[in-house]
Amino acid sequence: KNKSFNLSPHQSIDIPIKAKHRLENPNSKPLEIIEIQSGDYLGEDDIIRIDDKYERQ
């Protein structure tokens, strides 16, 4: 069930709708994330935060 992916520069990954996910940068170089949404609704009020080690709300 839990999967990890190591992406190289300029690689992308699709995250399915409602999939629990997180990102981590194991490198000392800055990480740039470009999020692309598609569909009829592109709002951000549907985000559900899962407890994490940073205690974000």
N, C-alpha and C. Protein backbone atom coordinates (compact mmCIF):
# COMPACT_ATOMS: atom_id res chain seq x y z
N LYS A 1 0.83 -1.19 0.00
CA LYS A 1 0.00 0.00 0.00
C LYS A 1 0.87 1.26 0.00
N ASN A 2 1.87 1.34 0.87
CA ASN A 2 2.76 2.49 0.88
C ASN A 2 3.80 2.33 -0.21
N LYS A 3 3.96 3.37 -1.02
CA LYS A 3 4.94 3.35 -2.10
C LYS A 3 5.81 4.58 -2.02
N SER A 4 7.06 4.44 -2.40
CA SER A 4 7.98 5.57 -2.49
C SER A 4 8.48 5.68 -3.92
N PHE A 5 8.68 6.91 -4.35
CA PHE A 5 9.19 7.17 -5.69
C PHE A 5 10.32 8.18 -5.57
N ASN A 6 11.44 7.90 -6.16
CA ASN A 6 12.53 8.86 -6.26
C ASN A 6 12.49 9.44 -7.66
N LEU A 7 12.23 10.74 -7.73
CA LEU A 7 12.12 11.39 -9.03
C LEU A 7 13.41 12.14 -9.35
N SER A 8 13.75 12.15 -10.60
CA SER A 8 14.90 12.91 -11.09
C SER A 8 14.42 14.29 -11.55
N PRO A 9 15.34 15.22 -11.74
CA PRO A 9 14.93 16.54 -12.25
C PRO A 9 14.09 16.40 -13.51
N HIS A 10 13.04 17.20 -13.58
CA HIS A 10 12.12 17.28 -14.72
C HIS A 10 11.19 16.07 -14.84
N GLN A 11 11.20 15.19 -13.87
CA GLN A 11 10.25 14.07 -13.87
C GLN A 11 8.97 14.53 -13.20
N SER A 12 7.88 13.83 -13.49
CA SER A 12 6.60 14.15 -12.86
C SER A 12 5.93 12.87 -12.39
N ILE A 13 4.90 13.05 -11.58
CA ILE A 13 4.13 11.92 -11.08
C ILE A 13 2.68 12.37 -10.96
N ASP A 14 1.76 11.48 -11.25
CA ASP A 14 0.33 11.76 -11.07
C ASP A 14 -0.09 11.20 -9.72
N ILE A 15 -0.81 12.00 -8.95
CA ILE A 15 -1.35 11.57 -7.66
C ILE A 15 -2.85 11.44 -7.83
N PRO A 16 -3.39 10.25 -7.65
CA PRO A 16 -4.83 10.05 -7.85
C PRO A 16 -5.68 10.91 -6.91
N ILE A 17 -6.89 11.22 -7.32
CA ILE A 17 -7.82 11.99 -6.50
C ILE A 17 -8.02 11.28 -5.17
N LYS A 18 -7.99 12.05 -4.10
CA LYS A 18 -8.20 11.60 -2.71
C LYS A 18 -7.11 10.68 -2.18
N ALA A 19 -6.00 10.56 -2.89
CA ALA A 19 -4.90 9.71 -2.41
C ALA A 19 -4.14 10.45 -1.31
N LYS A 20 -3.87 9.76 -0.20
CA LYS A 20 -3.03 10.34 0.84
C LYS A 20 -1.61 10.35 0.29
N HIS A 21 -0.94 11.48 0.44
CA HIS A 21 0.41 11.59 -0.09
C HIS A 21 1.20 12.65 0.66
N ARG A 22 2.50 12.57 0.55
CA ARG A 22 3.38 13.60 1.09
C ARG A 22 4.63 13.66 0.24
N LEU A 23 5.34 14.78 0.35
CA LEU A 23 6.56 14.98 -0.41
C LEU A 23 7.72 15.14 0.56
N GLU A 24 8.87 14.71 0.14
CA GLU A 24 10.08 14.86 0.94
C GLU A 24 11.24 15.14 0.00
N ASN A 25 12.10 16.04 0.40
CA ASN A 25 13.30 16.34 -0.38
C ASN A 25 14.51 15.81 0.38
N PRO A 26 15.04 14.64 0.00
CA PRO A 26 16.19 14.07 0.71
C PRO A 26 17.52 14.70 0.29
N ASN A 27 17.46 15.73 -0.52
CA ASN A 27 18.64 16.37 -1.08
C ASN A 27 18.86 17.71 -0.40
N SER A 28 20.07 18.23 -0.48
CA SER A 28 20.35 19.56 0.08
C SER A 28 20.03 20.68 -0.91
N LYS A 29 19.76 20.32 -2.16
CA LYS A 29 19.39 21.32 -3.17
C LYS A 29 17.92 21.69 -3.01
N PRO A 30 17.56 22.95 -3.30
CA PRO A 30 16.15 23.35 -3.20
C PRO A 30 15.26 22.52 -4.13
N LEU A 31 14.06 22.27 -3.67
CA LEU A 31 13.08 21.51 -4.44
C LEU A 31 12.02 22.47 -4.96
N GLU A 32 11.74 22.43 -6.25
CA GLU A 32 10.67 23.24 -6.84
C GLU A 32 9.54 22.30 -7.24
N ILE A 33 8.34 22.62 -6.77
CA ILE A 33 7.17 21.80 -7.06
C ILE A 33 6.23 22.62 -7.94
N ILE A 34 5.79 22.02 -9.00
CA ILE A 34 4.79 22.65 -9.87
C ILE A 34 3.55 21.76 -9.82
N GLU A 35 2.48 22.31 -9.26
CA GLU A 35 1.23 21.55 -9.13
C GLU A 35 0.30 21.91 -10.28
N ILE A 36 -0.22 20.89 -10.93
CA ILE A 36 -1.16 21.10 -12.03
C ILE A 36 -2.46 20.40 -11.67
N GLN A 37 -3.55 21.16 -11.64
CA GLN A 37 -4.86 20.60 -11.35
C GLN A 37 -5.67 20.55 -12.64
N SER A 38 -6.57 19.59 -12.72
CA SER A 38 -7.44 19.52 -13.89
C SER A 38 -8.84 19.13 -13.44
N GLY A 39 -9.80 19.42 -14.27
CA GLY A 39 -11.18 19.08 -13.95
C GLY A 39 -12.04 20.32 -13.86
N ASP A 40 -13.29 20.12 -13.44
CA ASP A 40 -14.25 21.23 -13.36
C ASP A 40 -14.02 22.11 -12.15
N TYR A 41 -13.53 21.55 -11.05
CA TYR A 41 -13.34 22.32 -9.82
C TYR A 41 -11.86 22.37 -9.49
N LEU A 42 -11.32 23.57 -9.32
CA LEU A 42 -9.89 23.75 -9.05
C LEU A 42 -9.64 24.46 -7.73
N GLY A 43 -10.61 24.47 -6.83
CA GLY A 43 -10.45 25.12 -5.54
C GLY A 43 -9.51 24.34 -4.63
N GLU A 44 -9.15 24.97 -3.51
CA GLU A 44 -8.28 24.31 -2.55
C GLU A 44 -8.97 24.10 -1.21
N ASP A 45 -10.27 24.35 -1.15
CA ASP A 45 -10.99 24.18 0.11
C ASP A 45 -11.37 22.73 0.37
N ASP A 46 -10.96 21.83 -0.51
CA ASP A 46 -11.26 20.41 -0.32
C ASP A 46 -10.05 19.63 0.22
N ILE A 47 -9.00 20.34 0.62
CA ILE A 47 -7.79 19.69 1.14
C ILE A 47 -8.05 19.21 2.56
N ILE A 48 -7.69 17.98 2.84
CA ILE A 48 -7.80 17.42 4.18
C ILE A 48 -6.39 17.13 4.66
N ARG A 49 -5.96 17.82 5.73
CA ARG A 49 -4.62 17.62 6.27
C ARG A 49 -4.61 16.40 7.18
N ILE A 50 -3.68 15.52 6.97
CA ILE A 50 -3.47 14.35 7.81
C ILE A 50 -2.36 14.71 8.80
N ASP A 51 -2.46 14.23 10.04
CA ASP A 51 -1.41 14.52 11.02
C ASP A 51 -0.05 14.14 10.46
N ASP A 52 0.91 15.03 10.66
CA ASP A 52 2.28 14.73 10.23
C ASP A 52 3.26 15.22 11.27
N LYS A 53 4.53 14.98 11.06
CA LYS A 53 5.53 15.33 12.06
C LYS A 53 5.70 16.84 12.22
N TYR A 54 5.14 17.64 11.31
CA TYR A 54 5.23 19.10 11.40
C TYR A 54 4.01 19.71 12.10
N GLU A 55 3.06 18.88 12.48
CA GLU A 55 1.83 19.30 13.19
C GLU A 55 1.09 20.41 12.44
N ARG A 56 1.02 20.30 11.13
CA ARG A 56 0.28 21.29 10.33
C ARG A 56 -1.21 21.09 10.52
N GLN A 57 -1.96 22.16 10.35
CA GLN A 57 -3.42 22.11 10.49
C GLN A 57 -4.09 22.13 9.14
